[in-house]
Amino acid sequence: PAEEVEDASEPTKRDRSHLESTLKLNEDKPADDVSGVLQRLRKIYHSSIKPLEQSYRYNELRQHEITDGEITSKPMVLFLGPWSVGKSSMINYLLGLDDTPYQLYTGAEPTTSEFTVIMHGPKLKTIEGIVMAADSARSFSPLEKFGQNFLEKLIGIEVPHKILERVTFVDTPGIIENRKQQERGYPFNDVCQWFIDRADLIFVVFDPTKLDVGLELEMLFRQLKGRESQIRIILNKADSLATQELMRVYGALFWSLAPLINVTEPPRVYVSSFWPHEYHPDTHKDLFLKEEISLLEDLNQVIENRMENKIAFIRQHAIRVRIHALLVDRYLQTYKDKMTFFSDGELVFRDIVEDPDRFYIFKSILAKTNVSKFDLPNREAYKDFFGINPITSFKLLSQQCSYMGGCFLEKIEKAITRELPDLLGSIGLGKKPNVLSCDITGCGETPKNRYRKP
């Protein structure tokens, strides 16, 4: 009888062939050689962007240091959402980890309390967070700053799966738990922000049977601001509801999220059940399968555009570094103008930091440069910044020039306007023109037809 039971439960597994064909897992095409492009990107970053970044201590304002590991890393797909919505089950399903010793734990109670990074490796093995952070070749070394308590909650799993040769998955603890950050013992929101800032695709997963849009979710969407083009909403476990009920939940979800995501185009919502079991009978199986294939195509697109996204990301970083340098320069210039032989430097500068608008510091940057006011950092952040870094420890931009090396500002401007767009153009050749990454990543002004030299 035991065998009969096993036979009866066997056919409930779903066919996986669409996963393999959509993600092109069986194609033995040579991986496109991106090492040359990555070398050029690293060179532009180190020679044209990093000097200005270090000179004006940008890292202390943004807490975002770009390591070589980050420049060369694979695209990252981040899974966010409340606990028990099926994030871990979804990763198990995509990688076929079910019923293997390495499947991620799943269950009705909050099961994932770690940040789990699933990456490629020759054989299945687990890596401690402390080891991951210590390895500078990986892109996770900056996570050390969140402390030992956090590193104990970080775990890596290496899996010899074809898709992981091209992408890394990150599973997060359920966000919407009514637990205070103090109880976790590490800055949960800051850690989430670190991953959000680096993710190429962000899946926010919901369970239609318990849709609760509370304060924690509002907080999450505040953290996702500016990343709207990377967000995909997933209404998981869709076959657990009758059609009419599902339509109602879909509407409610949109209604709740609309005020949280203020963009003209709402994020794409996928409705399906991402796990290996057969769909519930009497539900829209065809629709769910189509939705799943669309999601896999989306994932494929991110993998194929990874170089464009990387270049756009570095360019966006360069624009922020440049704005920061211009602001510090302006603060310093104002300070020098106001100083007289008898004045007290600290008092003079406190005046400027307390009310930068009186000295037109931010307005002058907008007037002089083609900077959007939405790209300007928060003025409060500069009070803290100058609290740690005295204004007298900086040099004016006009003094940051050398006979051999040229001027820092000119170099970063050249990188933003010429070198990075040219690099983007060089890999665009031979690609379909409809997947211009700037449209996807919003890396500023979209270049004219990049494929044809004027």
Protein backbone atom coordinates (compact mmCIF):
# COMPACT_ATOMS: atom_id res chain seq x y z
CA PRO A 1 0.00 0.00 0.00
CA ALA A 2 2.88 2.38 0.69
CA GLU A 3 3.94 2.10 -2.96
CA GLU A 4 0.44 2.86 -4.18
CA VAL A 5 0.35 6.04 -2.11
CA GLU A 6 3.65 7.09 -3.62
CA ASP A 7 2.35 6.45 -7.14
CA ALA A 8 -0.77 8.45 -6.40
CA SER A 9 1.24 11.47 -5.27
CA GLU A 10 3.76 11.30 -8.13
CA PRO A 11 1.75 12.88 -11.00
CA THR A 12 1.06 16.02 -8.96
CA LYS A 13 4.43 17.49 -10.07
CA ARG A 14 4.15 20.02 -12.86
CA ASP A 15 5.98 19.80 -16.20
CA ARG A 16 9.14 21.98 -16.14
CA SER A 17 9.94 22.07 -19.86
CA HIS A 18 8.76 25.70 -20.24
CA LEU A 19 11.28 26.75 -17.56
CA GLU A 20 14.13 25.24 -19.50
CA SER A 21 13.09 26.58 -22.89
CA THR A 22 12.27 30.15 -21.72
CA LEU A 23 15.47 30.53 -19.69
CA LYS A 24 17.43 28.85 -22.53
CA LEU A 25 18.98 26.39 -20.08
CA ASN A 26 19.69 23.75 -22.69
CA GLU A 27 21.43 26.02 -25.17
CA ASP A 28 25.15 25.43 -25.33
CA LYS A 29 25.84 28.83 -26.80
CA PRO A 30 29.16 30.33 -25.76
CA ALA A 31 28.71 32.91 -23.02
CA ASP A 32 29.08 36.32 -24.64
CA ASP A 33 32.54 37.57 -23.81
CA VAL A 34 32.04 40.57 -21.59
CA SER A 35 35.44 40.54 -19.92
CA GLY A 36 36.81 43.17 -22.32
CA VAL A 37 33.89 45.51 -21.63
CA LEU A 38 34.22 44.92 -17.88
CA GLN A 39 37.94 45.78 -18.03
CA ARG A 40 37.15 49.06 -19.79
CA LEU A 41 34.38 49.80 -17.30
CA ARG A 42 36.75 49.19 -14.37
CA LYS A 43 39.36 51.41 -15.98
CA ILE A 44 36.89 54.29 -16.49
CA TYR A 45 35.70 53.92 -12.90
CA HIS A 46 39.20 53.86 -11.38
CA SER A 47 40.69 56.63 -13.51
CA SER A 48 37.77 59.04 -13.96
CA ILE A 49 35.26 58.54 -11.12
CA LYS A 50 37.06 57.17 -8.07
CA PRO A 51 39.60 60.04 -7.64
CA LEU A 52 36.78 62.58 -7.23
CA GLU A 53 34.79 60.15 -5.07
CA GLN A 54 37.72 59.71 -2.66
CA SER A 55 38.79 63.33 -2.69
CA TYR A 56 35.32 64.50 -1.56
CA ARG A 57 34.64 61.42 0.63
CA TYR A 58 31.43 60.56 -1.17
CA ASN A 59 31.28 57.21 0.60
CA GLU A 60 30.60 58.95 3.92
CA LEU A 61 27.56 60.69 2.49
CA ARG A 62 26.02 57.72 0.71
CA GLN A 63 27.63 54.73 2.39
CA HIS A 64 28.03 53.27 -1.07
CA GLU A 65 31.45 52.16 -2.09
CA ILE A 66 31.80 50.40 -5.41
CA THR A 67 34.21 47.49 -5.27
CA ASP A 68 35.71 45.64 -8.22
CA GLY A 69 33.63 42.68 -7.08
CA GLU A 70 30.51 44.75 -7.62
CA ILE A 71 31.58 45.89 -11.08
CA THR A 72 32.15 42.31 -12.22
CA SER A 73 29.27 40.68 -10.29
CA LYS A 74 26.35 38.90 -11.96
CA PRO A 75 22.88 40.46 -12.01
CA MET A 76 21.06 40.07 -8.70
CA VAL A 77 17.39 39.13 -8.30
CA LEU A 78 15.97 40.06 -4.90
CA PHE A 79 12.88 38.43 -3.36
CA LEU A 80 11.02 40.66 -0.86
CA GLY A 81 7.65 40.43 0.85
CA PRO A 82 5.82 39.31 3.99
CA TRP A 83 6.62 35.94 5.55
CA SER A 84 4.97 32.82 4.25
CA VAL A 85 4.05 34.21 0.81
CA GLY A 86 6.15 31.61 -0.99
CA LYS A 87 9.45 33.43 -1.68
CA SER A 88 11.62 30.44 -0.74
CA SER A 89 9.24 27.99 -2.48
CA MET A 90 9.53 30.08 -5.62
CA ILE A 91 13.34 29.91 -5.61
CA ASN A 92 13.21 26.16 -4.91
CA TYR A 93 10.85 25.79 -7.87
CA LEU A 94 12.92 27.91 -10.30
CA LEU A 95 16.09 25.99 -9.44
CA GLY A 96 14.48 22.58 -9.05
CA LEU A 97 15.76 22.30 -5.48
CA ASP A 98 12.63 20.58 -4.13
CA ASP A 99 13.32 17.29 -2.41
CA THR A 100 17.10 17.91 -2.50
CA PRO A 101 19.14 18.41 0.67
CA TYR A 102 19.59 22.07 -0.29
CA GLN A 103 16.01 23.16 -0.73
CA LEU A 104 15.27 26.37 1.18
CA TYR A 105 13.08 25.81 4.24
CA THR A 106 9.44 26.65 3.68
CA GLY A 107 6.37 26.59 5.87
CA ALA A 108 3.38 28.50 7.21
CA GLU A 109 5.36 30.08 10.06
CA PRO A 110 8.18 32.57 9.46
CA THR A 111 10.94 30.15 8.40
CA THR A 112 13.60 32.25 6.68
CA SER A 113 15.33 34.35 9.28
CA GLU A 114 18.48 34.76 7.19
CA PHE A 115 19.41 36.65 4.08
CA THR A 116 20.21 33.72 1.78
CA VAL A 117 22.35 34.30 -1.31
CA ILE A 118 21.97 31.52 -3.88
CA MET A 119 24.88 31.53 -6.34
CA HIS A 120 26.68 29.28 -8.76
CA GLY A 121 29.27 26.74 -7.61
CA PRO A 122 30.69 23.44 -8.88
CA LYS A 123 28.88 21.46 -6.19
CA LEU A 124 26.18 22.03 -3.59
CA LYS A 125 27.61 23.67 -0.50
CA THR A 126 26.83 26.24 2.15
CA ILE A 127 29.05 29.25 2.92
CA GLU A 128 28.96 31.19 6.19
CA GLY A 129 28.24 34.92 5.97
CA ILE A 130 31.53 35.75 7.69
CA VAL A 131 33.42 33.89 4.95
CA MET A 132 31.41 35.61 2.18
CA ALA A 133 32.12 39.06 3.59
CA ALA A 134 35.84 38.31 3.98
CA ASP A 135 36.24 37.35 0.31
CA SER A 136 36.93 40.60 -1.53
CA ALA A 137 36.48 38.91 -4.93
CA ARG A 138 32.78 38.53 -4.15
CA SER A 139 30.59 41.61 -4.13
CA PHE A 140 29.46 41.10 -0.52
CA SER A 141 32.49 42.43 1.37
CA PRO A 142 30.83 45.83 2.08
CA LEU A 143 28.23 43.98 4.21
CA GLU A 144 30.81 43.74 7.01
CA LYS A 145 29.82 47.23 8.13
CA PHE A 146 26.45 45.89 9.42
CA GLY A 147 28.25 43.98 12.17
CA GLN A 148 28.80 40.42 13.33
CA ASN A 149 25.16 39.91 14.36
CA PHE A 150 24.12 40.47 10.78
CA LEU A 151 26.87 38.27 9.29
CA GLU A 152 25.52 35.41 11.38
CA LYS A 153 22.19 35.95 9.59
CA LEU A 154 23.80 35.91 6.14
CA ILE A 155 24.26 32.59 4.40
CA GLY A 156 25.41 31.60 0.93
CA ILE A 157 24.40 28.47 -0.94
CA GLU A 158 26.32 27.37 -4.01
CA VAL A 159 24.30 25.32 -6.50
CA PRO A 160 25.57 23.86 -9.80
CA HIS A 161 22.58 25.18 -11.79
CA LYS A 162 22.86 26.62 -15.29
CA ILE A 163 20.84 29.76 -14.59
CA LEU A 164 23.09 30.66 -11.64
CA GLU A 165 26.02 30.93 -14.04
CA ARG A 166 24.31 34.13 -15.19
CA VAL A 167 22.37 35.45 -12.18
CA THR A 168 22.34 35.39 -8.35
CA PHE A 169 19.16 35.05 -6.24
CA VAL A 170 18.74 36.61 -2.79
CA ASP A 171 16.00 35.40 -0.42
CA THR A 172 15.15 37.75 2.47
CA PRO A 173 13.43 37.24 5.82
CA GLY A 174 9.73 38.15 5.78
CA ILE A 175 9.66 41.92 5.88
CA ILE A 176 6.25 42.50 7.31
CA GLU A 177 6.69 41.02 10.73
CA ASN A 178 5.77 43.15 13.68
CA ARG A 179 9.25 42.90 15.06
CA LYS A 180 11.34 45.87 16.01
CA GLN A 181 14.78 46.29 14.49
CA GLN A 182 16.29 46.05 18.00
CA GLU A 183 14.94 42.51 18.37
CA ARG A 184 16.75 41.45 15.22
CA GLY A 185 20.06 42.71 16.56
CA TYR A 186 21.10 44.40 13.31
CA PRO A 187 19.78 47.29 11.14
CA PHE A 188 17.29 45.27 9.06
CA ASN A 189 16.07 48.20 6.94
CA ASP A 190 19.61 49.33 6.13
CA VAL A 191 20.55 45.80 5.05
CA CYS A 192 17.45 45.61 2.84
CA GLN A 193 18.37 48.98 1.36
CA TRP A 194 21.88 47.70 0.55
CA PHE A 195 20.41 44.81 -1.44
CA ILE A 196 17.70 46.98 -3.04
CA ASP A 197 20.35 49.44 -4.29
CA ARG A 198 22.22 46.63 -6.03
CA ALA A 199 19.36 44.48 -7.32
CA ASP A 200 18.69 44.32 -11.07
CA LEU A 201 15.23 42.85 -10.53
CA ILE A 202 13.11 43.03 -7.37
CA PHE A 203 10.26 40.55 -6.92
CA VAL A 204 7.81 41.75 -4.25
CA VAL A 205 5.74 38.66 -3.47
CA PHE A 206 2.22 38.60 -1.96
CA ASP A 207 -0.17 35.89 -0.81
CA PRO A 208 -3.72 36.67 -2.03
CA THR A 209 -5.28 34.91 0.96
CA LYS A 210 -3.73 37.32 3.45
CA LEU A 211 -3.27 40.65 1.82
CA ASP A 212 -2.32 43.15 4.47
CA VAL A 213 -0.89 46.46 3.39
CA GLY A 214 0.26 48.06 6.61
CA LEU A 215 2.94 50.43 7.80
CA GLU A 216 5.78 48.02 7.19
CA LEU A 217 4.84 47.74 3.54
CA GLU A 218 4.70 51.52 3.22
CA MET A 219 8.18 51.61 4.70
CA LEU A 220 9.35 49.03 2.16
CA PHE A 221 7.99 51.00 -0.80
CA ARG A 222 9.64 54.13 0.56
CA GLN A 223 12.92 52.20 0.36
CA LEU A 224 12.12 51.13 -3.20
CA LYS A 225 11.73 54.74 -4.37
CA GLY A 226 13.69 55.40 -7.53
CA ARG A 227 13.86 51.67 -8.32
CA GLU A 228 10.33 51.41 -9.75
CA SER A 229 11.53 50.10 -13.13
CA GLN A 230 13.14 47.11 -11.38
CA ILE A 231 10.06 46.14 -9.33
CA ARG A 232 7.76 43.26 -10.30
CA ILE A 233 4.79 42.43 -8.08
CA ILE A 234 3.92 38.75 -7.76
CA LEU A 235 0.51 37.58 -6.60
CA ASN A 236 1.57 34.07 -5.69
CA LYS A 237 -0.57 31.02 -4.77
CA ALA A 238 -3.16 32.30 -7.23
CA ASP A 239 -4.70 28.85 -7.74
CA SER A 240 -5.78 28.78 -4.09
CA LEU A 241 -8.65 31.20 -4.84
CA ALA A 242 -11.73 31.01 -7.05
CA THR A 243 -11.53 33.27 -10.12
CA GLN A 244 -13.98 35.88 -8.86
CA GLU A 245 -12.21 36.13 -5.53
CA LEU A 246 -8.83 36.41 -7.28
CA MET A 247 -10.09 39.32 -9.41
CA ARG A 248 -11.24 41.05 -6.24
CA VAL A 249 -7.85 40.57 -4.55
CA TYR A 250 -6.01 41.77 -7.65
CA GLY A 251 -8.06 44.97 -7.61
CA ALA A 252 -7.51 45.44 -3.88
CA LEU A 253 -3.77 45.00 -4.27
CA PHE A 254 -3.58 47.61 -7.02
CA TRP A 255 -5.73 49.99 -4.98
CA SER A 256 -3.45 49.61 -1.94
CA LEU A 257 -0.21 49.97 -3.88
CA ALA A 258 -1.23 52.92 -6.09
CA PRO A 259 -0.47 55.61 -3.46
CA LEU A 260 2.81 53.91 -2.52
CA ILE A 261 4.24 53.86 -6.04
CA ASN A 262 3.86 57.27 -7.60
CA VAL A 263 4.95 56.58 -11.14
CA THR A 264 3.02 57.03 -14.35
CA GLU A 265 3.27 53.36 -15.20
CA PRO A 266 2.32 50.92 -12.44
CA PRO A 267 4.69 47.99 -11.95
CA ARG A 268 3.89 44.74 -13.70
CA VAL A 269 1.84 42.33 -11.58
CA TYR A 270 2.24 38.59 -12.26
CA VAL A 271 -0.57 36.30 -11.10
CA SER A 272 0.37 32.63 -10.80
CA SER A 273 1.45 29.87 -8.42
CA PHE A 274 5.19 29.42 -8.33
CA TRP A 275 5.81 25.96 -6.97
CA PRO A 276 6.26 22.49 -8.45
CA HIS A 277 2.79 21.09 -7.71
CA GLU A 278 0.07 20.84 -10.33
CA TYR A 279 -2.37 23.79 -10.43
CA HIS A 280 -5.55 23.35 -8.47
CA PRO A 281 -8.32 21.91 -10.69
CA ASP A 282 -11.06 24.36 -11.82
CA THR A 283 -8.65 27.30 -11.97
CA HIS A 284 -7.22 29.22 -14.92
CA LYS A 285 -4.22 26.99 -15.57
CA ASP A 286 -3.52 28.43 -19.03
CA LEU A 287 -3.47 31.99 -17.72
CA PHE A 288 -1.18 31.04 -14.81
CA LEU A 289 1.23 29.28 -17.13
CA LYS A 290 1.34 32.28 -19.50
CA GLU A 291 2.00 34.60 -16.57
CA GLU A 292 4.82 32.36 -15.40
CA ILE A 293 6.41 32.35 -18.85
CA SER A 294 6.16 36.17 -18.97
CA LEU A 295 7.97 36.38 -15.66
CA LEU A 296 10.71 34.03 -16.89
CA GLU A 297 11.10 36.16 -20.04
CA ASP A 298 11.47 39.20 -17.80
CA LEU A 299 14.22 37.42 -15.90
CA ASN A 300 15.93 36.47 -19.15
CA GLN A 301 15.82 40.07 -20.34
CA VAL A 302 17.67 41.21 -17.20
CA ILE A 303 20.34 38.56 -17.75
CA GLU A 304 20.79 39.56 -21.40
CA ASN A 305 20.97 43.28 -20.59
CA ARG A 306 23.33 42.87 -17.68
CA MET A 307 26.20 44.81 -19.23
CA GLU A 308 24.00 47.73 -20.23
CA ASN A 309 22.51 47.85 -16.74
CA LYS A 310 25.98 47.73 -15.17
CA ILE A 311 27.23 50.64 -17.29
CA ALA A 312 24.07 52.64 -16.57
CA PHE A 313 24.50 51.95 -12.84
CA ILE A 314 28.13 53.20 -12.86
CA ARG A 315 27.07 56.25 -14.86
CA GLN A 316 24.31 57.07 -12.39
CA HIS A 317 26.85 56.71 -9.57
CA ALA A 318 29.23 59.07 -11.42
CA ILE A 319 26.47 61.68 -11.78
CA ARG A 320 25.84 61.56 -8.01
CA VAL A 321 29.56 61.82 -7.21
CA ARG A 322 29.85 64.81 -9.51
CA ILE A 323 26.89 66.59 -7.87
CA HIS A 324 28.39 65.91 -4.43
CA ALA A 325 31.78 67.32 -5.49
CA LEU A 326 30.13 70.45 -6.94
CA LEU A 327 28.21 70.98 -3.69
CA VAL A 328 31.25 70.57 -1.43
CA ASP A 329 33.17 72.93 -3.72
CA ARG A 330 30.36 75.48 -3.45
CA TYR A 331 30.22 75.19 0.36
CA LEU A 332 34.00 75.70 0.48
CA GLN A 333 33.94 78.67 -1.91
CA THR A 334 31.18 80.33 0.13
CA TYR A 335 33.16 79.72 3.32
CA LYS A 336 36.32 81.29 1.83
CA ASP A 337 34.33 84.30 0.58
CA LYS A 338 32.81 84.93 4.02
CA MET A 339 36.03 84.49 6.00
CA THR A 340 37.92 87.62 7.08
CA PHE A 341 41.06 87.97 9.13
CA PHE A 342 39.03 88.39 12.33
CA SER A 343 36.19 85.91 11.85
CA ASP A 344 35.74 82.67 13.72
CA GLY A 345 35.86 79.90 11.10
CA GLU A 346 33.56 77.54 12.98
CA LEU A 347 30.83 80.15 13.46
CA VAL A 348 31.04 81.27 9.83
CA PHE A 349 30.68 77.72 8.59
CA ARG A 350 27.89 76.81 11.01
CA ASP A 351 25.93 79.71 9.53
CA ILE A 352 26.36 78.33 6.02
CA VAL A 353 25.50 74.72 6.93
CA GLU A 354 22.42 75.72 8.94
CA ASP A 355 20.90 77.70 6.07
CA PRO A 356 22.50 76.85 2.72
CA ASP A 357 19.58 78.46 0.86
CA ARG A 358 20.57 81.88 2.18
CA PHE A 359 23.84 81.45 0.31
CA TYR A 360 22.21 79.93 -2.82
CA ILE A 361 24.38 76.82 -2.48
CA PHE A 362 21.93 74.32 -3.97
CA LYS A 363 20.34 76.83 -6.36
CA SER A 364 23.70 77.77 -7.87
CA ILE A 365 24.39 74.11 -8.70
CA LEU A 366 21.05 73.88 -10.51
CA ALA A 367 21.73 77.12 -12.36
CA LYS A 368 25.23 76.19 -13.48
CA THR A 369 24.90 72.55 -14.37
CA ASN A 370 22.36 70.36 -16.12
CA VAL A 371 21.37 68.74 -12.82
CA SER A 372 17.78 67.92 -11.98
CA LYS A 373 16.58 69.23 -8.63
CA PHE A 374 15.39 65.67 -7.89
CA ASP A 375 18.99 64.45 -8.06
CA LEU A 376 20.21 66.83 -5.36
CA PRO A 377 21.00 65.15 -2.06
CA ASN A 378 19.20 66.07 1.13
CA ARG A 379 20.59 69.25 2.72
CA GLU A 380 20.25 67.75 6.20
CA ALA A 381 22.71 65.05 5.12
CA TYR A 382 25.37 67.75 4.70
CA LYS A 383 25.06 68.83 8.33
CA ASP A 384 26.07 65.31 9.36
CA PHE A 385 28.64 65.07 6.57
CA PHE A 386 30.45 68.26 7.60
CA GLY A 387 30.11 67.27 11.26
CA ILE A 388 32.54 64.42 10.52
CA ASN A 389 34.56 66.07 7.73
CA PRO A 390 35.65 69.65 8.49
CA ILE A 391 35.26 71.97 5.50
CA THR A 392 38.94 72.96 5.75
CA SER A 393 39.97 69.37 4.93
CA PHE A 394 38.75 69.76 1.32
CA LYS A 395 40.29 71.47 -1.71
CA LEU A 396 38.43 73.51 -4.30
CA LEU A 397 37.67 71.73 -7.57
CA SER A 398 39.85 74.24 -9.43
CA GLN A 399 42.82 73.02 -7.38
CA GLN A 400 42.15 69.33 -8.18
CA CYS A 401 44.16 69.39 -11.40
CA SER A 402 47.58 68.12 -12.31
CA TYR A 403 49.78 68.64 -15.35
CA MET A 404 49.85 64.94 -16.21
CA GLY A 405 46.51 63.75 -14.88
CA GLY A 406 44.26 66.62 -15.96
CA CYS A 407 41.37 67.89 -13.80
CA PHE A 408 39.16 65.57 -11.72
CA LEU A 409 35.96 67.37 -12.72
CA GLU A 410 36.74 67.30 -16.43
CA LYS A 411 37.54 63.59 -16.27
CA ILE A 412 34.28 62.64 -14.57
CA GLU A 413 32.29 64.82 -16.98
CA LYS A 414 33.99 63.15 -19.91
CA ALA A 415 33.14 59.74 -18.42
CA ILE A 416 29.46 60.70 -17.99
CA THR A 417 28.95 62.36 -21.37
CA ARG A 418 31.30 60.41 -23.64
CA GLU A 419 33.16 57.35 -22.34
CA LEU A 420 30.29 55.47 -20.67
CA PRO A 421 27.74 56.15 -23.47
CA ASP A 422 30.39 55.03 -26.01
CA LEU A 423 30.96 51.84 -24.04
CA LEU A 424 27.20 51.28 -24.02
CA GLY A 425 27.14 51.81 -27.79
CA SER A 426 29.94 49.32 -28.37
CA ILE A 427 27.95 46.46 -26.83
CA GLY A 428 24.68 47.62 -28.40
CA LEU A 429 25.91 46.64 -31.85
CA GLY A 430 24.25 43.51 -33.05
CA LYS A 431 21.51 43.70 -30.44
CA LYS A 432 17.90 44.41 -31.18
CA PRO A 433 17.43 48.18 -30.90
CA ASN A 434 14.20 47.79 -28.89
CA VAL A 435 16.00 46.83 -25.68
CA LEU A 436 17.96 50.01 -25.09
CA SER A 437 18.98 49.78 -21.50
CA CYS A 438 18.65 53.48 -20.81
CA ASP A 439 14.91 53.11 -21.36
CA ILE A 440 14.96 50.33 -18.80
CA THR A 441 17.35 51.73 -16.22
CA GLY A 442 16.62 55.41 -16.77
CA CYS A 443 20.28 56.35 -16.93
CA GLY A 444 19.57 59.93 -17.90
CA GLU A 445 19.15 61.37 -21.37
CA THR A 446 18.57 58.58 -23.88
CA PRO A 447 21.25 58.81 -26.55
CA LYS A 448 20.16 59.21 -30.15
CA ASN A 449 20.54 56.16 -32.37
CA ARG A 450 23.70 54.72 -30.85
CA TYR A 451 24.25 52.17 -33.56
CA ARG A 452 25.03 54.55 -36.36
CA LYS A 453 27.93 56.94 -36.21
CA PRO A 454 26.86 60.37 -37.47
